[in-house]
Amino acid sequence: MSSSLPTPLPLFDTLENINKLAVPANITYSFATQDFKMAQAFLKQYDGSLATFNSYRREVERLIQWAWLVEGKSVIELKREDIENYLKFCKAPPKTWIGLTKVPRFIDAEGLHQANPEWRPFVATVTKSAAKKGVIPDVQNYELSDKALRSIFAILSSFYNFLIQEDCTPINPLLQLRQKSKFFRKRQGQAPIRRLSELQWASVLEITQQMADSDPSHERSLFIITALFAMYLRISELTASKRWLPKMCDFHRDSDGNWWFITVGKGNKERQIAVSDAMLNALKRWRTYLGLSALPSASDTSPLVPKLRGNEPISSTNQIRNIVQYCFDQTIAKLEQDGFKDEAESLQAATVHWLRHTGISEDVKIRPREHVRDDAGHSSSATTDRYIDVELRARHASARKKPVV
């Protein structure tokens, strides 16, 4: 890949500022303004979820930068062979297009809101466990995962379908690709669900409870990890945003005396989650620590997870991640101390989302899958079925004592 390509500048800022920007001055193509405005209109549709907007912005922006800076074409001129070349480009972009850390796209400098020269469209990363061992990202080791490649397909296909609806182009070049399989690694069977082992989850819960018992400031940590596990919550469902503010009254009791929790999740879909007795006890403990009544009333609009100081809700997913990671780190240290080296090692790779996976995996063992499906917000039972590992356990048990002679 040629290193003479110009280093791209970010094109689109936050959703709030998306209309305040224009085509960078170094882009002089006559079609650039049209491409830019079409992408703006497409991205503005995704104002219901920050994560979705960020993903779509990343992929559309990369495609435009490649079309302009590498091919000198408008995105509506791209054909099947162009998309194939683009996918090859994404798998091995020039080193000057790869960053070592995520940085803000735009910064305020000299009184101006301007493109950050340190920003790059691709970012080299290392696993969390590798980072803890001192491994640092290297542009030479950049790799596009199979999951990321599938995301490119899905998002850009949506982009071109939008352009077709707007009468900007008659074709979706991604649908014309032949032998898509050559871009994706084939896998026999389903991918394993990333989750905590029974020992890891029991240890995380035990350590966090001990932390809360000795230091009340960790009551928040205990409530957070319990809610993530017991109600299969995504991290965005515990944090405040423009589309969702989790409140105490989202816990409510029906006419039969059963407690439910209302949340707004992926795809801006509202769902009702059955609240277990254990989760209800965790809520009572949390509210008692906050100086509130044991259970909320329908008029209790106080934040479900307020910041440590004041009564404002937590609005940063990173803050939730940091809280959970601290619980994981304390557990890793205890597992190592107790001689469970392998369990400690694998826990280093865990993320917040593993708690949701773990909660679902444990519940499908004892609850009807349709009930778990609805509480988890899965669009189909097929998604829930991925968490059922009885077949895998039986398969391994039948193989364990196979002779080799």
Protein backbone atom coordinates (compact mmCIF):
# COMPACT_ATOMS: atom_id res chain seq x y z
CA MET A 1 0.00 0.00 0.00
CA SER A 2 1.41 3.35 -1.01
CA SER A 3 2.54 5.61 1.82
CA SER A 4 2.08 8.68 -0.38
CA LEU A 5 -1.65 8.83 0.26
CA PRO A 6 -2.69 11.96 2.15
CA THR A 7 -3.61 11.43 5.79
CA PRO A 8 -7.39 11.81 6.07
CA LEU A 9 -9.14 14.29 8.32
CA PRO A 10 -12.34 13.44 10.20
CA LEU A 11 -15.48 14.46 8.31
CA PHE A 12 -18.29 14.12 10.84
CA ASP A 13 -18.36 15.25 14.46
CA THR A 14 -20.94 14.41 17.11
CA LEU A 15 -24.62 14.22 16.26
CA GLU A 16 -25.13 17.63 17.86
CA ASN A 17 -22.50 19.21 15.61
CA ILE A 18 -23.10 17.22 12.44
CA ASN A 19 -24.70 20.16 10.61
CA LYS A 20 -21.96 22.60 11.57
CA LEU A 21 -19.24 21.05 9.41
CA ALA A 22 -18.45 21.11 5.72
CA VAL A 23 -16.16 19.34 3.27
CA PRO A 24 -12.50 19.85 4.29
CA ALA A 25 -10.72 22.57 2.32
CA ASN A 26 -8.19 20.12 0.89
CA ILE A 27 -10.97 18.23 -0.96
CA THR A 28 -11.68 19.98 -4.25
CA TYR A 29 -13.79 17.41 -6.10
CA SER A 30 -17.04 18.85 -7.48
CA PHE A 31 -18.99 15.84 -6.19
CA ALA A 32 -17.67 16.06 -2.63
CA THR A 33 -20.38 18.37 -1.31
CA GLN A 34 -23.13 16.07 -2.57
CA ASP A 35 -21.47 13.01 -1.01
CA PHE A 36 -21.03 14.88 2.24
CA LYS A 37 -24.67 16.02 2.43
CA MET A 38 -25.99 12.55 1.55
CA ALA A 39 -23.91 11.04 4.35
CA GLN A 40 -25.10 13.72 6.78
CA ALA A 41 -28.73 12.97 5.99
CA PHE A 42 -28.11 9.22 6.41
CA LEU A 43 -26.33 9.56 9.75
CA LYS A 44 -28.91 11.92 11.23
CA GLN A 45 -31.41 9.06 11.13
CA TYR A 46 -29.51 7.31 13.92
CA ASP A 47 -30.13 9.79 16.71
CA GLY A 48 -31.78 7.15 18.92
CA SER A 49 -28.58 5.38 19.92
CA LEU A 50 -25.14 6.89 20.39
CA ALA A 51 -23.40 3.55 19.83
CA THR A 52 -25.26 2.96 16.55
CA PHE A 53 -24.55 6.49 15.34
CA ASN A 54 -20.84 6.10 16.13
CA SER A 55 -20.63 2.79 14.26
CA TYR A 56 -22.42 4.10 11.19
CA ARG A 57 -20.39 7.30 11.19
CA ARG A 58 -17.13 5.33 11.30
CA GLU A 59 -17.97 3.10 8.35
CA VAL A 60 -19.53 5.75 6.12
CA GLU A 61 -16.68 8.14 6.81
CA ARG A 62 -14.02 5.53 5.99
CA LEU A 63 -15.71 4.69 2.69
CA ILE A 64 -15.95 8.34 1.67
CA GLN A 65 -12.32 9.00 2.56
CA TRP A 66 -11.20 6.00 0.52
CA ALA A 67 -13.41 6.95 -2.44
CA TRP A 68 -12.11 10.53 -2.46
CA LEU A 69 -8.46 10.14 -1.48
CA VAL A 70 -7.63 6.76 -3.05
CA GLU A 71 -9.96 6.43 -6.05
CA GLY A 72 -10.92 10.03 -6.74
CA LYS A 73 -14.56 8.97 -7.09
CA SER A 74 -17.93 9.82 -5.63
CA VAL A 75 -19.48 7.09 -3.48
CA ILE A 76 -22.37 6.86 -5.95
CA GLU A 77 -19.89 5.94 -8.70
CA LEU A 78 -18.55 2.90 -6.87
CA LYS A 79 -19.21 -0.48 -8.48
CA ARG A 80 -18.82 -4.06 -7.31
CA GLU A 81 -15.10 -4.21 -8.10
CA ASP A 82 -14.55 -0.94 -6.24
CA ILE A 83 -16.17 -2.35 -3.10
CA GLU A 84 -13.99 -5.46 -3.35
CA ASN A 85 -10.92 -3.23 -3.53
CA TYR A 86 -12.20 -1.20 -0.60
CA LEU A 87 -12.62 -4.30 1.55
CA LYS A 88 -9.05 -5.35 0.73
CA PHE A 89 -7.95 -1.83 1.69
CA CYS A 90 -9.71 -2.09 5.07
CA LYS A 91 -7.93 -5.35 5.82
CA ALA A 92 -4.53 -3.74 5.19
CA PRO A 93 -4.77 0.08 5.31
CA PRO A 94 -1.64 2.22 4.95
CA LYS A 95 0.20 2.70 8.22
CA THR A 96 -0.39 6.47 8.05
CA TRP A 97 -4.13 5.78 8.31
CA ILE A 98 -3.76 3.76 11.53
CA GLY A 99 -3.68 5.27 15.01
CA LEU A 100 -2.53 3.72 18.28
CA THR A 101 -5.34 5.08 20.44
CA LYS A 102 -8.79 6.54 20.07
CA VAL A 103 -8.71 10.32 20.23
CA PRO A 104 -11.39 13.02 19.80
CA ARG A 105 -12.23 13.72 16.16
CA PHE A 106 -12.39 17.46 16.70
CA ILE A 107 -10.72 19.70 19.25
CA ASP A 108 -11.01 23.32 20.33
CA ALA A 109 -7.78 25.15 19.56
CA GLU A 110 -7.00 28.80 18.97
CA GLY A 111 -10.64 29.65 19.46
CA LEU A 112 -11.74 27.26 16.71
CA HIS A 113 -13.46 23.88 16.66
CA GLN A 114 -11.23 22.03 14.24
CA ALA A 115 -10.18 18.59 13.06
CA ASN A 116 -7.77 16.78 15.38
CA PRO A 117 -4.57 16.06 13.43
CA GLU A 118 -3.88 13.04 15.69
CA TRP A 119 -7.10 11.29 14.63
CA ARG A 120 -6.96 8.29 12.28
CA PRO A 121 -9.80 6.27 10.65
CA PHE A 122 -8.31 2.94 11.79
CA VAL A 123 -6.96 2.11 15.26
CA ALA A 124 -4.58 -0.69 16.23
CA THR A 125 -5.57 -2.37 19.50
CA VAL A 126 -4.51 -5.15 21.84
CA THR A 127 -6.66 -7.31 24.06
CA LYS A 128 -7.36 -6.15 27.58
CA SER A 129 -5.37 -9.00 29.08
CA ALA A 130 -2.41 -8.22 26.79
CA ALA A 131 -2.51 -4.55 27.77
CA LYS A 132 -2.31 -5.54 31.44
CA LYS A 133 0.86 -7.42 30.64
CA GLY A 134 2.42 -4.30 29.13
CA VAL A 135 1.80 -5.07 25.46
CA ILE A 136 1.26 -1.85 23.51
CA PRO A 137 -0.55 -1.42 20.17
CA ASP A 138 1.59 -1.48 17.02
CA VAL A 139 0.43 -0.36 13.56
CA GLN A 140 2.42 -3.25 12.11
CA ASN A 141 0.08 -5.66 13.89
CA TYR A 142 -3.19 -4.05 12.81
CA GLU A 143 -5.83 -6.67 12.01
CA LEU A 144 -9.45 -6.34 10.91
CA SER A 145 -11.59 -8.91 12.71
CA ASP A 146 -14.22 -11.00 11.00
CA LYS A 147 -16.85 -9.27 13.13
CA ALA A 148 -15.64 -5.85 11.98
CA LEU A 149 -15.73 -6.95 8.36
CA ARG A 150 -19.31 -8.14 8.72
CA SER A 151 -20.18 -4.78 10.27
CA ILE A 152 -18.76 -3.00 7.22
CA PHE A 153 -21.00 -5.09 4.96
CA ALA A 154 -24.13 -4.47 7.01
CA ILE A 155 -23.68 -0.73 7.54
CA LEU A 156 -22.59 0.16 4.02
CA SER A 157 -25.42 -1.92 2.59
CA SER A 158 -27.83 0.18 4.69
CA PHE A 159 -26.13 3.33 3.42
CA TYR A 160 -26.59 2.36 -0.22
CA ASN A 161 -30.18 1.30 0.37
CA PHE A 162 -30.76 4.80 1.73
CA LEU A 163 -29.15 6.33 -1.37
CA ILE A 164 -31.41 4.21 -3.57
CA GLN A 165 -34.49 5.42 -1.68
CA GLU A 166 -33.32 9.01 -2.11
CA ASP A 167 -32.90 8.45 -5.88
CA CYS A 168 -29.16 9.15 -5.63
CA THR A 169 -28.08 5.84 -7.15
CA PRO A 170 -29.88 2.90 -8.80
CA ILE A 171 -27.72 0.13 -7.30
CA ASN A 172 -26.35 -1.22 -4.05
CA PRO A 173 -22.86 -2.44 -5.05
CA LEU A 174 -22.54 -4.57 -1.93
CA LEU A 175 -25.42 -6.75 -3.09
CA GLN A 176 -23.57 -7.38 -6.34
CA LEU A 177 -20.55 -8.92 -4.66
CA ARG A 178 -19.86 -12.46 -5.70
CA GLN A 179 -18.23 -15.01 -3.46
CA LYS A 180 -18.76 -13.02 -0.29
CA SER A 181 -17.47 -16.07 1.53
CA LYS A 182 -13.92 -15.25 0.48
CA PHE A 183 -14.04 -12.23 2.79
CA PHE A 184 -15.35 -14.13 5.81
CA ARG A 185 -13.86 -16.96 7.79
CA LYS A 186 -16.17 -19.97 7.84
CA ARG A 187 -16.95 -21.54 11.18
CA GLN A 188 -18.44 -24.94 11.97
CA GLY A 189 -21.06 -24.60 14.67
CA GLN A 190 -21.82 -21.48 16.65
CA ALA A 191 -19.27 -19.18 18.23
CA PRO A 192 -18.90 -19.66 21.98
CA ILE A 193 -20.60 -17.13 24.25
CA ARG A 194 -18.06 -15.10 26.20
CA ARG A 195 -19.08 -15.34 29.83
CA LEU A 196 -17.78 -15.88 33.35
CA SER A 197 -17.36 -19.36 34.75
CA GLU A 198 -19.43 -20.32 37.80
CA LEU A 199 -16.38 -19.82 40.02
CA GLN A 200 -15.56 -16.45 38.48
CA TRP A 201 -19.09 -15.07 38.88
CA ALA A 202 -19.42 -16.40 42.45
CA SER A 203 -16.06 -14.81 43.28
CA VAL A 204 -16.91 -11.45 41.67
CA LEU A 205 -20.16 -11.29 43.64
CA GLU A 206 -18.52 -12.37 46.90
CA ILE A 207 -15.63 -9.91 46.61
CA THR A 208 -17.94 -7.02 45.70
CA GLN A 209 -20.22 -7.81 48.64
CA GLN A 210 -17.21 -7.80 50.95
CA MET A 211 -16.12 -4.46 49.51
CA ALA A 212 -19.59 -2.99 50.13
CA ASP A 213 -19.71 -4.39 53.67
CA SER A 214 -16.38 -2.77 54.56
CA ASP A 215 -16.82 0.45 52.56
CA PRO A 216 -20.40 1.69 51.89
CA SER A 217 -19.24 3.63 48.81
CA HIS A 218 -19.07 0.25 47.06
CA GLU A 219 -22.81 -0.31 47.51
CA ARG A 220 -23.15 1.26 44.07
CA SER A 221 -20.70 -1.29 42.63
CA LEU A 222 -22.69 -4.13 44.17
CA PHE A 223 -25.99 -2.88 42.77
CA ILE A 224 -24.52 -2.34 39.31
CA ILE A 225 -23.00 -5.80 38.89
CA THR A 226 -26.12 -7.44 40.33
CA ALA A 227 -28.40 -5.58 37.91
CA LEU A 228 -26.17 -6.35 34.93
CA PHE A 229 -26.23 -10.07 35.81
CA ALA A 230 -29.73 -10.57 37.21
CA MET A 231 -31.62 -8.51 34.61
CA TYR A 232 -29.24 -9.07 31.65
CA LEU A 233 -28.80 -5.32 31.24
CA ARG A 234 -26.53 -3.76 28.65
CA ILE A 235 -24.26 -1.01 29.90
CA SER A 236 -26.30 1.60 27.98
CA GLU A 237 -29.39 0.54 29.92
CA LEU A 238 -27.86 1.70 33.20
CA THR A 239 -26.58 5.06 31.94
CA ALA A 240 -28.51 8.23 31.19
CA SER A 241 -28.70 9.48 27.62
CA LYS A 242 -30.95 11.59 25.44
CA ARG A 243 -33.09 8.58 24.63
CA TRP A 244 -33.18 6.95 28.07
CA LEU A 245 -32.94 7.99 31.71
CA PRO A 246 -33.13 5.01 34.10
CA LYS A 247 -35.20 5.99 37.15
CA MET A 248 -36.23 4.30 40.37
CA CYS A 249 -39.86 4.16 39.24
CA ASP A 250 -38.84 1.97 36.31
CA PHE A 251 -39.14 -0.73 38.96
CA HIS A 252 -42.89 -1.20 39.43
CA ARG A 253 -45.32 -3.70 40.94
CA ASP A 254 -48.28 -5.12 39.02
CA SER A 255 -51.74 -6.00 40.36
CA ASP A 256 -50.51 -9.50 41.27
CA GLY A 257 -47.73 -8.11 43.43
CA ASN A 258 -45.00 -9.04 40.94
CA TRP A 259 -42.16 -6.62 40.33
CA TRP A 260 -40.96 -5.63 36.86
CA PHE A 261 -38.29 -3.34 35.44
CA ILE A 262 -38.86 -1.25 32.31
CA THR A 263 -35.84 -0.35 30.16
CA VAL A 264 -35.09 0.92 26.67
CA GLY A 265 -32.44 -1.14 24.95
CA LYS A 266 -30.82 -1.90 21.64
CA GLY A 267 -32.69 -0.49 18.65
CA ASN A 268 -34.52 1.94 20.97
CA LYS A 269 -36.86 -0.91 21.97
CA GLU A 270 -38.66 -0.81 25.29
CA ARG A 271 -38.97 -4.07 27.19
CA GLN A 272 -40.28 -5.28 30.53
CA ILE A 273 -38.03 -7.51 32.65
CA ALA A 274 -39.26 -9.84 35.38
CA VAL A 275 -37.53 -8.94 38.66
CA SER A 276 -36.39 -11.87 40.81
CA ASP A 277 -36.55 -11.88 44.60
CA ALA A 278 -32.73 -11.69 44.70
CA MET A 279 -32.74 -8.61 42.46
CA LEU A 280 -35.48 -7.04 44.55
CA ASN A 281 -33.37 -7.58 47.69
CA ALA A 282 -30.42 -5.93 45.92
CA LEU A 283 -32.64 -2.95 45.08
CA LYS A 284 -33.78 -2.67 48.72
CA ARG A 285 -30.18 -2.71 49.93
CA TRP A 286 -29.20 -0.07 47.38
CA ARG A 287 -32.10 2.25 48.24
CA THR A 288 -31.46 1.86 51.96
CA TYR A 289 -27.88 2.99 51.39
CA LEU A 290 -29.22 6.02 49.46
CA GLY A 291 -31.51 6.91 52.38
CA LEU A 292 -34.68 6.04 50.48
CA SER A 293 -37.63 3.81 51.32
CA ALA A 294 -37.04 0.11 50.75
CA LEU A 295 -38.99 0.06 47.47
CA PRO A 296 -39.84 2.86 45.02
CA SER A 297 -43.25 4.36 44.40
CA ALA A 298 -44.63 5.17 40.96
CA SER A 299 -43.72 8.83 41.53
CA ASP A 300 -40.07 8.21 42.46
CA THR A 301 -38.22 9.73 39.50
CA SER A 302 -34.83 9.86 41.20
CA PRO A 303 -31.93 8.42 39.15
CA LEU A 304 -31.48 4.67 39.38
CA VAL A 305 -27.68 5.03 39.51
CA PRO A 306 -26.65 8.52 40.67
CA LYS A 307 -23.10 9.78 40.64
CA LEU A 308 -21.06 9.36 43.80
CA ARG A 309 -21.53 13.04 44.60
CA GLY A 310 -24.81 14.84 44.01
CA ASN A 311 -28.00 13.43 42.56
CA GLU A 312 -27.20 13.55 38.86
CA PRO A 313 -27.44 10.23 37.00
CA ILE A 314 -24.34 8.51 35.65
CA SER A 315 -24.24 9.37 31.94
CA SER A 316 -20.85 7.91 31.05
CA THR A 317 -20.60 4.27 30.03
CA ASN A 318 -16.88 4.50 30.79
CA GLN A 319 -17.70 5.23 34.43
CA ILE A 320 -19.75 2.04 34.64
CA ARG A 321 -16.94 0.13 32.94
CA ASN A 322 -14.39 1.46 35.42
CA ILE A 323 -16.58 0.46 38.38
CA VAL A 324 -17.05 -3.09 37.09
CA GLN A 325 -13.40 -3.40 36.08
CA TYR A 326 -12.32 -2.53 39.62
CA CYS A 327 -14.50 -5.39 40.91
CA PHE A 328 -12.95 -7.71 38.31
CA ASP A 329 -9.43 -6.62 39.27
CA GLN A 330 -10.02 -7.27 42.97
CA THR A 331 -11.42 -10.69 42.10
CA ILE A 332 -8.46 -11.53 39.86
CA ALA A 333 -6.08 -10.77 42.73
CA LYS A 334 -8.08 -12.99 45.12
CA LEU A 335 -8.26 -15.88 42.63
CA GLU A 336 -4.51 -15.71 42.11
CA GLN A 337 -3.96 -15.64 45.86
CA ASP A 338 -6.16 -18.71 46.29
CA GLY A 339 -4.28 -20.63 43.61
CA PHE A 340 -6.84 -20.39 40.79
CA LYS A 341 -4.32 -19.14 38.23
CA ASP A 342 -6.25 -20.19 35.11
CA GLU A 343 -9.49 -18.64 36.33
CA ALA A 344 -7.66 -15.42 37.18
CA GLU A 345 -5.97 -15.36 33.78
CA SER A 346 -9.19 -15.79 31.79
CA LEU A 347 -11.04 -13.22 33.91
CA GLN A 348 -8.56 -10.60 32.71
CA ALA A 349 -10.24 -10.69 29.30
CA ALA A 350 -13.76 -10.14 30.70
CA THR A 351 -15.79 -7.04 29.89
CA VAL A 352 -18.96 -5.58 31.38
CA HIS A 353 -21.05 -7.26 28.68
CA TRP A 354 -19.93 -10.68 29.91
CA LEU A 355 -22.17 -10.17 32.95
CA ARG A 356 -25.22 -10.03 30.66
CA HIS A 357 -24.03 -13.14 28.84
CA THR A 358 -23.41 -14.92 32.13
CA GLY A 359 -26.84 -14.07 33.53
CA ILE A 360 -28.59 -15.33 30.40
CA SER A 361 -26.45 -18.49 30.29
CA GLU A 362 -27.27 -19.37 33.88
CA ASP A 363 -30.98 -18.71 33.50
CA VAL A 364 -31.54 -20.81 30.36
CA LYS A 365 -30.55 -23.80 32.51
CA ILE A 366 -33.57 -23.33 34.80
CA ARG A 367 -36.11 -21.08 33.04
CA PRO A 368 -38.17 -21.55 29.85
CA ARG A 369 -36.17 -20.11 26.98
CA GLU A 370 -39.14 -17.96 25.87
CA HIS A 371 -39.11 -16.22 29.26
CA VAL A 372 -35.36 -15.61 29.07
CA ARG A 373 -35.73 -14.44 25.45
CA ASP A 374 -38.28 -11.78 26.40
CA ASP A 375 -36.38 -10.57 29.48
CA ALA A 376 -33.17 -10.34 27.44
CA GLY A 377 -34.87 -8.53 24.57
CA HIS A 378 -33.79 -11.07 21.96
CA SER A 379 -35.57 -10.74 18.64
CA SER A 380 -35.90 -14.51 18.28
CA SER A 381 -35.49 -17.72 20.25
CA ALA A 382 -32.60 -18.63 17.95
CA THR A 383 -30.51 -15.94 19.65
CA THR A 384 -31.39 -17.30 23.09
CA ASP A 385 -30.57 -20.83 21.95
CA ARG A 386 -26.93 -19.78 21.53
CA TYR A 387 -26.67 -19.67 25.32
CA ILE A 388 -27.75 -23.28 25.80
CA ASP A 389 -24.57 -25.31 26.20
CA VAL A 390 -26.06 -28.64 27.31
CA GLU A 391 -25.29 -30.15 23.91
CA LEU A 392 -21.65 -29.01 24.09
CA ARG A 393 -21.24 -30.46 27.56
CA ALA A 394 -22.71 -33.80 26.49
CA ARG A 395 -20.51 -33.83 23.41
CA HIS A 396 -17.38 -33.26 25.45
CA ALA A 397 -18.40 -35.82 28.07
CA SER A 398 -18.80 -38.48 25.38
CA ALA A 399 -15.32 -37.65 24.04
CA ARG A 400 -13.45 -37.36 27.34
CA LYS A 401 -12.51 -41.04 27.70
CA LYS A 402 -12.01 -41.94 24.05
CA PRO A 403 -9.03 -44.28 23.68
CA VAL A 404 -6.25 -43.62 21.20
CA VAL A 405 -5.24 -47.30 20.92
